Amino acid sequence: MLPSIEQIQFEENNERLKVVLPAKTHWVFLSLYTVMLLVWVGMLIYGLIFTGQMAFSGERFAFVFTVMLLVLLYLLYRLGKMVWGQWQYYAATREILFIYKEMVILRRPVSIFGITTAFDKAHVTPFYYSEKHHCPAFDYGHQHVYFGHDLPSDSAGRLIGYLNARYHPHYDGDNDE
């Protein structure tokens, strides 16, 4: 039986449990990352055009300069991937937790894009409430994974209780080991 928790939607089938959590839009961060993303796209387009012009300029130093520009474009591409990921994080309006038999997937969808992270369920610890971040969390090895940042603490506590009762029935949340 699925619980009825305010602001949280549950769906279940034979393969998995799907938990949909709300995510508020933080307009300041979304605006900053939108500007950074537009600047990045402009820099990348201009860099590609300039690199193409330099490669076919016929100058004596064109090959070496083109190689240096390609290295800089690669670094710019890597920076853009980080900006793109952060933009997707702040543009998402919901967070989805999929719990399969062998894995836990955390997703922040933005249309067909979005950030998806998968964890091997054998290495996922019981869920707990992070006092520092004020949200539900679990540990994956030495990595702390936080989700549901915009849940009220009572809803987060009920969600953690349900998930632990279902997937970690022998876990005692009051026991500090």
N, C-alpha and C. Protein backbone atom coordinates (compact mmCIF):
# COMPACT_ATOMS: atom_id res chain seq x y z
N MET A 1 0.84 -1.18 0.00
CA MET A 1 0.00 0.00 0.00
C MET A 1 0.89 1.25 0.00
N LEU A 2 0.65 2.11 -0.95
CA LEU A 2 1.44 3.33 -1.06
C LEU A 2 0.90 4.39 -0.11
N PRO A 3 1.78 5.13 0.54
CA PRO A 3 1.31 6.15 1.48
C PRO A 3 0.79 7.38 0.75
N SER A 4 0.06 8.18 1.46
CA SER A 4 -0.42 9.45 0.93
C SER A 4 0.33 10.55 1.67
N ILE A 5 1.33 11.09 1.01
CA ILE A 5 2.16 12.14 1.60
C ILE A 5 1.98 13.41 0.77
N GLU A 6 1.76 14.50 1.46
CA GLU A 6 1.51 15.78 0.81
C GLU A 6 2.66 16.14 -0.13
N GLN A 7 2.36 16.58 -1.33
CA GLN A 7 3.28 17.04 -2.37
C GLN A 7 4.11 15.93 -3.01
N ILE A 8 3.89 14.68 -2.64
CA ILE A 8 4.67 13.57 -3.20
C ILE A 8 3.72 12.62 -3.91
N GLN A 9 4.10 12.23 -5.14
CA GLN A 9 3.29 11.28 -5.90
C GLN A 9 4.03 9.96 -5.99
N PHE A 10 3.31 8.87 -5.82
CA PHE A 10 3.87 7.53 -5.91
C PHE A 10 3.22 6.79 -7.07
N GLU A 11 4.04 6.04 -7.79
CA GLU A 11 3.55 5.12 -8.82
C GLU A 11 4.33 3.83 -8.66
N GLU A 12 3.64 2.71 -8.82
CA GLU A 12 4.33 1.44 -8.66
C GLU A 12 3.86 0.46 -9.72
N ASN A 13 4.81 -0.31 -10.24
CA ASN A 13 4.47 -1.43 -11.10
C ASN A 13 5.34 -2.62 -10.67
N ASN A 14 5.34 -3.68 -11.45
CA ASN A 14 6.08 -4.89 -11.06
C ASN A 14 7.58 -4.68 -11.00
N GLU A 15 8.11 -3.71 -11.74
CA GLU A 15 9.55 -3.53 -11.83
C GLU A 15 10.11 -2.51 -10.83
N ARG A 16 9.34 -1.46 -10.52
CA ARG A 16 9.93 -0.36 -9.76
C ARG A 16 8.89 0.47 -9.03
N LEU A 17 9.42 1.26 -8.08
CA LEU A 17 8.63 2.27 -7.39
C LEU A 17 9.11 3.62 -7.91
N LYS A 18 8.18 4.48 -8.27
CA LYS A 18 8.51 5.82 -8.76
C LYS A 18 7.97 6.83 -7.75
N VAL A 19 8.86 7.70 -7.27
CA VAL A 19 8.49 8.74 -6.31
C VAL A 19 8.78 10.08 -6.96
N VAL A 20 7.74 10.89 -7.15
CA VAL A 20 7.89 12.21 -7.78
C VAL A 20 7.84 13.28 -6.70
N LEU A 21 8.92 14.05 -6.61
CA LEU A 21 9.06 15.09 -5.60
C LEU A 21 9.05 16.46 -6.26
N PRO A 22 8.50 17.47 -5.59
CA PRO A 22 8.50 18.81 -6.19
C PRO A 22 9.88 19.45 -6.12
N ALA A 23 10.15 20.34 -7.06
CA ALA A 23 11.39 21.12 -7.05
C ALA A 23 11.04 22.56 -7.41
N LYS A 24 11.31 23.46 -6.51
CA LYS A 24 11.03 24.87 -6.76
C LYS A 24 12.06 25.44 -7.74
N THR A 25 11.62 26.39 -8.53
CA THR A 25 12.53 27.06 -9.44
C THR A 25 13.23 28.19 -8.70
N HIS A 26 14.55 28.14 -8.68
CA HIS A 26 15.35 29.20 -8.07
C HIS A 26 15.75 30.14 -9.20
N TRP A 27 14.98 31.21 -9.36
CA TRP A 27 15.10 32.09 -10.53
C TRP A 27 16.45 32.78 -10.63
N VAL A 28 17.05 33.12 -9.53
CA VAL A 28 18.35 33.80 -9.59
C VAL A 28 19.39 32.87 -10.21
N PHE A 29 19.48 31.63 -9.71
CA PHE A 29 20.45 30.69 -10.25
C PHE A 29 20.11 30.31 -11.69
N LEU A 30 18.83 30.11 -11.98
CA LEU A 30 18.42 29.77 -13.34
C LEU A 30 18.79 30.89 -14.31
N SER A 31 18.59 32.14 -13.90
CA SER A 31 18.94 33.28 -14.75
C SER A 31 20.45 33.35 -14.98
N LEU A 32 21.23 33.17 -13.91
CA LEU A 32 22.69 33.22 -14.05
C LEU A 32 23.20 32.12 -14.98
N TYR A 33 22.69 30.91 -14.79
CA TYR A 33 23.15 29.81 -15.64
C TYR A 33 22.63 29.94 -17.06
N THR A 34 21.49 30.57 -17.26
CA THR A 34 21.02 30.83 -18.62
C THR A 34 21.95 31.79 -19.33
N VAL A 35 22.35 32.85 -18.65
CA VAL A 35 23.29 33.81 -19.24
C VAL A 35 24.62 33.12 -19.55
N MET A 36 25.12 32.33 -18.59
CA MET A 36 26.39 31.63 -18.81
C MET A 36 26.28 30.65 -19.99
N LEU A 37 25.13 29.99 -20.13
CA LEU A 37 24.94 29.05 -21.22
C LEU A 37 24.91 29.77 -22.56
N LEU A 38 24.24 30.92 -22.63
CA LEU A 38 24.20 31.68 -23.88
C LEU A 38 25.58 32.22 -24.25
N VAL A 39 26.33 32.70 -23.27
CA VAL A 39 27.69 33.17 -23.52
C VAL A 39 28.55 32.00 -24.00
N TRP A 40 28.39 30.84 -23.37
CA TRP A 40 29.16 29.66 -23.76
C TRP A 40 28.86 29.27 -25.21
N VAL A 41 27.59 29.26 -25.60
CA VAL A 41 27.22 28.90 -26.98
C VAL A 41 27.84 29.90 -27.95
N GLY A 42 27.78 31.19 -27.63
CA GLY A 42 28.38 32.20 -28.49
C GLY A 42 29.89 32.02 -28.62
N MET A 43 30.54 31.75 -27.49
CA MET A 43 31.99 31.55 -27.52
C MET A 43 32.35 30.30 -28.33
N LEU A 44 31.58 29.26 -28.19
CA LEU A 44 31.87 28.02 -28.90
C LEU A 44 31.69 28.21 -30.41
N ILE A 45 30.62 28.87 -30.81
CA ILE A 45 30.38 29.11 -32.24
C ILE A 45 31.48 30.00 -32.82
N TYR A 46 31.79 31.09 -32.14
CA TYR A 46 32.84 31.98 -32.62
C TYR A 46 34.19 31.25 -32.64
N GLY A 47 34.48 30.44 -31.64
CA GLY A 47 35.73 29.69 -31.60
C GLY A 47 35.85 28.71 -32.74
N LEU A 48 34.75 28.03 -33.08
CA LEU A 48 34.78 27.09 -34.20
C LEU A 48 35.00 27.82 -35.53
N ILE A 49 34.32 28.95 -35.69
CA ILE A 49 34.50 29.73 -36.93
C ILE A 49 35.94 30.23 -37.03
N PHE A 50 36.45 30.79 -35.95
CA PHE A 50 37.82 31.32 -35.96
C PHE A 50 38.84 30.22 -36.19
N THR A 51 38.64 29.05 -35.57
CA THR A 51 39.56 27.92 -35.76
C THR A 51 39.54 27.46 -37.22
N GLY A 52 38.35 27.40 -37.82
CA GLY A 52 38.26 27.03 -39.23
C GLY A 52 38.96 28.04 -40.13
N GLN A 53 38.78 29.30 -39.86
CA GLN A 53 39.46 30.33 -40.65
C GLN A 53 40.97 30.23 -40.50
N MET A 54 41.41 29.99 -39.27
CA MET A 54 42.85 29.90 -39.02
C MET A 54 43.44 28.66 -39.70
N ALA A 55 42.72 27.54 -39.65
CA ALA A 55 43.24 26.30 -40.23
C ALA A 55 43.45 26.42 -41.73
N PHE A 56 42.60 27.17 -42.40
CA PHE A 56 42.68 27.29 -43.86
C PHE A 56 43.22 28.65 -44.30
N SER A 57 43.94 29.33 -43.44
CA SER A 57 44.46 30.65 -43.78
C SER A 57 45.71 30.59 -44.65
N GLY A 58 46.42 29.48 -44.59
CA GLY A 58 47.64 29.35 -45.39
C GLY A 58 48.85 29.97 -44.73
N GLU A 59 48.72 30.47 -43.54
CA GLU A 59 49.85 31.05 -42.83
C GLU A 59 50.82 29.95 -42.39
N ARG A 60 52.05 30.33 -42.15
CA ARG A 60 53.09 29.40 -41.76
C ARG A 60 52.82 28.78 -40.39
N PHE A 61 52.23 29.53 -39.49
CA PHE A 61 51.98 29.09 -38.12
C PHE A 61 50.57 28.51 -37.93
N ALA A 62 49.84 28.32 -38.99
CA ALA A 62 48.42 27.94 -38.91
C ALA A 62 48.23 26.59 -38.21
N PHE A 63 49.07 25.61 -38.49
CA PHE A 63 48.88 24.28 -37.91
C PHE A 63 49.02 24.33 -36.38
N VAL A 64 50.09 24.92 -35.89
CA VAL A 64 50.33 24.97 -34.45
C VAL A 64 49.25 25.80 -33.76
N PHE A 65 48.88 26.92 -34.34
CA PHE A 65 47.85 27.77 -33.75
C PHE A 65 46.50 27.06 -33.75
N THR A 66 46.21 26.31 -34.80
CA THR A 66 44.95 25.56 -34.86
C THR A 66 44.91 24.47 -33.79
N VAL A 67 46.03 23.79 -33.57
CA VAL A 67 46.08 22.77 -32.52
C VAL A 67 45.85 23.41 -31.16
N MET A 68 46.47 24.57 -30.91
CA MET A 68 46.25 25.26 -29.63
C MET A 68 44.79 25.68 -29.48
N LEU A 69 44.18 26.15 -30.57
CA LEU A 69 42.77 26.53 -30.50
C LEU A 69 41.87 25.32 -30.25
N LEU A 70 42.21 24.19 -30.84
CA LEU A 70 41.41 22.98 -30.61
C LEU A 70 41.50 22.53 -29.15
N VAL A 71 42.67 22.66 -28.54
CA VAL A 71 42.80 22.33 -27.12
C VAL A 71 41.94 23.28 -26.28
N LEU A 72 41.98 24.56 -26.61
CA LEU A 72 41.15 25.53 -25.88
C LEU A 72 39.66 25.27 -26.11
N LEU A 73 39.29 24.88 -27.33
CA LEU A 73 37.88 24.56 -27.60
C LEU A 73 37.44 23.33 -26.81
N TYR A 74 38.34 22.36 -26.64
CA TYR A 74 38.00 21.19 -25.84
C TYR A 74 37.76 21.59 -24.39
N LEU A 75 38.62 22.44 -23.84
CA LEU A 75 38.42 22.93 -22.48
C LEU A 75 37.12 23.72 -22.36
N LEU A 76 36.82 24.52 -23.37
CA LEU A 76 35.56 25.27 -23.38
C LEU A 76 34.36 24.33 -23.45
N TYR A 77 34.48 23.26 -24.21
CA TYR A 77 33.42 22.26 -24.30
C TYR A 77 33.17 21.62 -22.94
N ARG A 78 34.25 21.25 -22.23
CA ARG A 78 34.11 20.63 -20.90
C ARG A 78 33.46 21.60 -19.91
N LEU A 79 33.85 22.86 -19.96
CA LEU A 79 33.24 23.87 -19.11
C LEU A 79 31.75 24.01 -19.44
N GLY A 80 31.43 23.97 -20.71
CA GLY A 80 30.03 24.07 -21.13
C GLY A 80 29.19 22.90 -20.66
N LYS A 81 29.77 21.71 -20.60
CA LYS A 81 29.03 20.56 -20.08
C LYS A 81 28.66 20.76 -18.63
N MET A 82 29.57 21.37 -17.85
CA MET A 82 29.27 21.63 -16.44
C MET A 82 28.17 22.69 -16.31
N VAL A 83 28.25 23.74 -17.11
CA VAL A 83 27.22 24.79 -17.08
C VAL A 83 25.88 24.22 -17.53
N TRP A 84 25.89 23.38 -18.56
CA TRP A 84 24.67 22.75 -19.06
C TRP A 84 24.02 21.88 -17.98
N GLY A 85 24.83 21.12 -17.27
CA GLY A 85 24.30 20.28 -16.20
C GLY A 85 23.68 21.09 -15.07
N GLN A 86 24.34 22.17 -14.68
CA GLN A 86 23.79 23.03 -13.63
C GLN A 86 22.52 23.73 -14.10
N TRP A 87 22.48 24.14 -15.36
CA TRP A 87 21.28 24.78 -15.90
C TRP A 87 20.11 23.80 -15.85
N GLN A 88 20.35 22.55 -16.25
CA GLN A 88 19.29 21.54 -16.20
C GLN A 88 18.83 21.30 -14.77
N TYR A 89 19.75 21.31 -13.82
CA TYR A 89 19.40 21.10 -12.42
C TYR A 89 18.44 22.18 -11.94
N TYR A 90 18.72 23.43 -12.26
CA TYR A 90 17.88 24.53 -11.79
C TYR A 90 16.63 24.73 -12.64
N ALA A 91 16.61 24.21 -13.86
CA ALA A 91 15.43 24.36 -14.72
C ALA A 91 14.37 23.30 -14.45
N ALA A 92 14.74 22.22 -13.79
CA ALA A 92 13.80 21.13 -13.51
C ALA A 92 12.74 21.58 -12.51
N THR A 93 11.52 21.13 -12.72
CA THR A 93 10.42 21.47 -11.81
C THR A 93 10.01 20.29 -10.93
N ARG A 94 10.67 19.17 -11.12
CA ARG A 94 10.39 18.00 -10.28
C ARG A 94 11.63 17.12 -10.23
N GLU A 95 11.62 16.26 -9.25
CA GLU A 95 12.71 15.31 -9.05
C GLU A 95 12.07 13.94 -8.93
N ILE A 96 12.61 12.96 -9.62
CA ILE A 96 12.01 11.64 -9.62
C ILE A 96 13.01 10.63 -9.09
N LEU A 97 12.56 9.84 -8.13
CA LEU A 97 13.36 8.78 -7.55
C LEU A 97 12.76 7.45 -8.00
N PHE A 98 13.52 6.69 -8.78
CA PHE A 98 13.10 5.36 -9.21
C PHE A 98 13.84 4.34 -8.36
N ILE A 99 13.12 3.42 -7.77
CA ILE A 99 13.76 2.36 -6.99
C ILE A 99 13.41 1.03 -7.63
N TYR A 100 14.41 0.44 -8.27
CA TYR A 100 14.28 -0.87 -8.89
C TYR A 100 14.81 -1.93 -7.94
N LYS A 101 14.71 -3.18 -8.34
CA LYS A 101 15.20 -4.27 -7.50
C LYS A 101 16.71 -4.17 -7.29
N GLU A 102 17.44 -3.75 -8.32
CA GLU A 102 18.90 -3.73 -8.23
C GLU A 102 19.53 -2.36 -8.33
N MET A 103 18.74 -1.31 -8.51
CA MET A 103 19.34 0.02 -8.62
C MET A 103 18.37 1.11 -8.17
N VAL A 104 18.96 2.24 -7.81
CA VAL A 104 18.22 3.44 -7.46
C VAL A 104 18.61 4.51 -8.47
N ILE A 105 17.64 5.14 -9.08
CA ILE A 105 17.90 6.18 -10.08
C ILE A 105 17.29 7.48 -9.59
N LEU A 106 18.08 8.55 -9.64
CA LEU A 106 17.62 9.88 -9.27
C LEU A 106 17.66 10.74 -10.53
N ARG A 107 16.52 11.35 -10.87
CA ARG A 107 16.40 12.09 -12.13
C ARG A 107 15.77 13.44 -11.90
N ARG A 108 16.30 14.47 -12.55
CA ARG A 108 15.71 15.81 -12.58
C ARG A 108 15.43 16.13 -14.04
N PRO A 109 14.23 15.79 -14.54
CA PRO A 109 13.96 15.95 -15.98
C PRO A 109 13.65 17.39 -16.39
N VAL A 110 14.17 17.73 -17.55
CA VAL A 110 13.84 18.98 -18.23
C VAL A 110 13.48 18.57 -19.64
N SER A 111 12.18 18.46 -19.92
CA SER A 111 11.70 17.97 -21.20
C SER A 111 12.30 16.59 -21.45
N ILE A 112 12.98 16.38 -22.58
CA ILE A 112 13.60 15.08 -22.83
C ILE A 112 15.02 15.03 -22.28
N PHE A 113 15.53 16.17 -21.83
CA PHE A 113 16.87 16.24 -21.25
C PHE A 113 16.75 16.09 -19.74
N GLY A 114 17.84 16.29 -19.07
CA GLY A 114 17.82 16.26 -17.62
C GLY A 114 18.97 15.46 -17.06
N ILE A 115 19.15 15.60 -15.78
CA ILE A 115 20.24 14.92 -15.10
C ILE A 115 19.72 13.60 -14.56
N THR A 116 20.42 12.52 -14.88
CA THR A 116 20.07 11.20 -14.38
C THR A 116 21.30 10.57 -13.74
N THR A 117 21.13 10.09 -12.52
CA THR A 117 22.21 9.44 -11.81
C THR A 117 21.69 8.09 -11.32
N ALA A 118 22.47 7.04 -11.58
CA ALA A 118 22.08 5.70 -11.17
C ALA A 118 23.04 5.17 -10.11
N PHE A 119 22.49 4.42 -9.15
CA PHE A 119 23.26 3.87 -8.05
C PHE A 119 22.93 2.39 -7.91
N ASP A 120 23.96 1.58 -7.68
CA ASP A 120 23.77 0.16 -7.42
C ASP A 120 23.13 0.02 -6.04
N LYS A 121 21.98 -0.61 -5.98
CA LYS A 121 21.22 -0.68 -4.74
C LYS A 121 21.96 -1.44 -3.63
N ALA A 122 22.86 -2.31 -4.01
CA ALA A 122 23.60 -3.07 -3.00
C ALA A 122 24.49 -2.17 -2.16
N HIS A 123 24.85 -1.00 -2.70
CA HIS A 123 25.74 -0.08 -1.99
C HIS A 123 25.03 1.16 -1.47
N VAL A 124 23.72 1.17 -1.53
CA VAL A 124 22.92 2.30 -1.03
C VAL A 124 22.56 2.03 0.42
N THR A 125 22.86 2.99 1.28
CA THR A 125 22.54 2.86 2.70
C THR A 125 21.07 3.23 2.94
N PRO A 126 20.56 2.97 4.13
CA PRO A 126 19.20 3.41 4.44
C PRO A 126 19.07 4.93 4.33
N PHE A 127 17.87 5.36 4.05
CA PHE A 127 17.59 6.79 3.88
C PHE A 127 17.61 7.48 5.25
N TYR A 128 18.02 8.73 5.26
CA TYR A 128 18.05 9.51 6.50
C TYR A 128 17.78 10.97 6.18
N TYR A 129 17.51 11.74 7.22
CA TYR A 129 17.27 13.17 7.04
C TYR A 129 18.56 13.92 7.35
N SER A 130 19.04 14.69 6.40
CA SER A 130 20.27 15.47 6.59
C SER A 130 19.90 16.80 7.27
N GLU A 131 20.35 16.95 8.50
CA GLU A 131 20.10 18.19 9.24
C GLU A 131 20.83 19.37 8.60
N LYS A 132 22.00 19.11 8.06
CA LYS A 132 22.79 20.19 7.46
C LYS A 132 22.13 20.74 6.20
N HIS A 133 21.59 19.85 5.35
CA HIS A 133 20.99 20.27 4.08
C HIS A 133 19.47 20.33 4.12
N HIS A 134 18.87 19.89 5.23
CA HIS A 134 17.42 19.91 5.43
C HIS A 134 16.67 19.19 4.32
N CYS A 135 17.10 17.96 4.05
CA CYS A 135 16.46 17.17 3.01
C CYS A 135 16.74 15.69 3.23
N PRO A 136 15.97 14.82 2.59
CA PRO A 136 16.27 13.38 2.65
C PRO A 136 17.59 13.09 1.94
N ALA A 137 18.24 12.02 2.35
CA ALA A 137 19.52 11.66 1.75
C ALA A 137 19.77 10.18 1.94
N PHE A 138 20.76 9.68 1.21
CA PHE A 138 21.30 8.35 1.42
C PHE A 138 22.77 8.40 1.06
N ASP A 139 23.49 7.43 1.52
CA ASP A 139 24.91 7.36 1.22
C ASP A 139 25.14 6.28 0.18
N TYR A 140 26.02 6.57 -0.75
CA TYR A 140 26.42 5.60 -1.77
C TYR A 140 27.93 5.49 -1.67
N GLY A 141 28.38 4.48 -0.95
CA GLY A 141 29.81 4.41 -0.64
C GLY A 141 30.15 5.55 0.30
N HIS A 142 31.08 6.40 -0.11
CA HIS A 142 31.44 7.56 0.70
C HIS A 142 30.77 8.83 0.19
N GLN A 143 29.90 8.72 -0.79
CA GLN A 143 29.23 9.87 -1.38
C GLN A 143 27.86 10.07 -0.72
N HIS A 144 27.57 11.29 -0.30
CA HIS A 144 26.26 11.62 0.23
C HIS A 144 25.39 12.09 -0.93
N VAL A 145 24.21 11.52 -1.06
CA VAL A 145 23.30 11.87 -2.15
C VAL A 145 22.07 12.52 -1.52
N TYR A 146 21.85 13.79 -1.86
CA TYR A 146 20.73 14.55 -1.31
C TYR A 146 19.66 14.70 -2.38
N PHE A 147 18.40 14.65 -1.97
CA PHE A 147 17.30 14.83 -2.90
C PHE A 147 16.12 15.43 -2.14
N GLY A 148 15.12 15.90 -2.85
CA GLY A 148 13.92 16.45 -2.21
C GLY A 148 14.20 17.67 -1.36
N HIS A 149 15.03 18.58 -1.86
CA HIS A 149 15.40 19.77 -1.09
C HIS A 149 14.20 20.66 -0.75
N ASP A 150 13.16 20.61 -1.55
CA ASP A 150 12.02 21.51 -1.36
C ASP A 150 10.86 20.86 -0.63
N LEU A 151 11.08 19.72 -0.01
CA LEU A 151 10.04 19.06 0.78
C LEU A 151 9.99 19.65 2.19
N PRO A 152 8.80 19.83 2.74
CA PRO A 152 8.73 20.18 4.16
C PRO A 152 9.29 19.04 5.01
N SER A 153 9.81 19.36 6.17
CA SER A 153 10.49 18.35 6.98
C SER A 153 9.56 17.21 7.42
N ASP A 154 8.28 17.50 7.67
CA ASP A 154 7.38 16.42 8.06
C ASP A 154 7.11 15.46 6.90
N SER A 155 6.94 16.00 5.69
CA SER A 155 6.76 15.13 4.51
C SER A 155 8.02 14.33 4.23
N ALA A 156 9.18 14.97 4.40
CA ALA A 156 10.45 14.27 4.19
C ALA A 156 10.60 13.14 5.20
N GLY A 157 10.25 13.39 6.45
CA GLY A 157 10.34 12.35 7.47
C GLY A 157 9.43 11.18 7.19
N ARG A 158 8.21 11.46 6.74
CA ARG A 158 7.29 10.37 6.40
C ARG A 158 7.78 9.57 5.20
N LEU A 159 8.36 10.26 4.20
CA LEU A 159 8.91 9.58 3.03
C LEU A 159 10.07 8.68 3.43
N ILE A 160 10.96 9.19 4.26
CA ILE A 160 12.11 8.41 4.73
C ILE A 160 11.64 7.19 5.51
N GLY A 161 10.65 7.37 6.38
CA GLY A 161 10.11 6.25 7.15
C GLY A 161 9.52 5.18 6.24
N TYR A 162 8.77 5.60 5.22
CA TYR A 162 8.17 4.63 4.31
C TYR A 162 9.24 3.88 3.51
N LEU A 163 10.20 4.62 2.96
CA LEU A 163 11.23 3.98 2.14
C LEU A 163 12.09 3.02 2.97
N ASN A 164 12.44 3.42 4.18
CA ASN A 164 13.24 2.53 5.02
C ASN A 164 12.45 1.30 5.46
N ALA A 165 11.16 1.48 5.77
CA ALA A 165 10.33 0.34 6.16
C ALA A 165 10.20 -0.65 5.01
N ARG A 166 10.18 -0.14 3.80
CA ARG A 166 10.00 -1.00 2.65
C ARG A 166 11.30 -1.64 2.17
N TYR A 167 12.38 -0.86 2.10
CA TYR A 167 13.62 -1.35 1.50
C TYR A 167 14.72 -1.69 2.51
N HIS A 168 14.60 -1.22 3.71
CA HIS A 168 15.57 -1.52 4.77
C HIS A 168 14.80 -1.86 6.05
N PRO A 169 14.04 -2.96 6.05
CA PRO A 169 13.15 -3.24 7.19
C PRO A 169 13.88 -3.51 8.51
N HIS A 170 15.13 -3.91 8.47
CA HIS A 170 15.88 -4.20 9.70
C HIS A 170 16.66 -3.01 10.22
N TYR A 171 16.52 -1.87 9.55
CA TYR A 171 17.27 -0.67 9.95
C TYR A 171 16.53 0.04 11.07
N ASP A 172 17.26 0.39 12.12
CA ASP A 172 16.70 1.15 13.23
C ASP A 172 17.26 2.57 13.15
N GLY A 173 16.43 3.52 12.75
CA GLY A 173 16.89 4.89 12.55
C GLY A 173 17.34 5.58 13.81
N ASP A 174 16.90 5.11 14.98
CA ASP A 174 17.30 5.72 16.25
C ASP A 174 18.63 5.20 16.76
N ASN A 175 19.09 4.09 16.19
CA ASN A 175 20.31 3.47 16.66
C ASN A 175 21.51 4.18 16.04
N ASP A 176 22.32 4.85 16.85
CA ASP A 176 23.51 5.51 16.36
C ASP A 176 24.68 4.55 16.50
N GLU A 177 25.10 3.99 15.36
CA GLU A 177 26.16 2.98 15.38
C GLU A 177 27.51 3.62 15.24
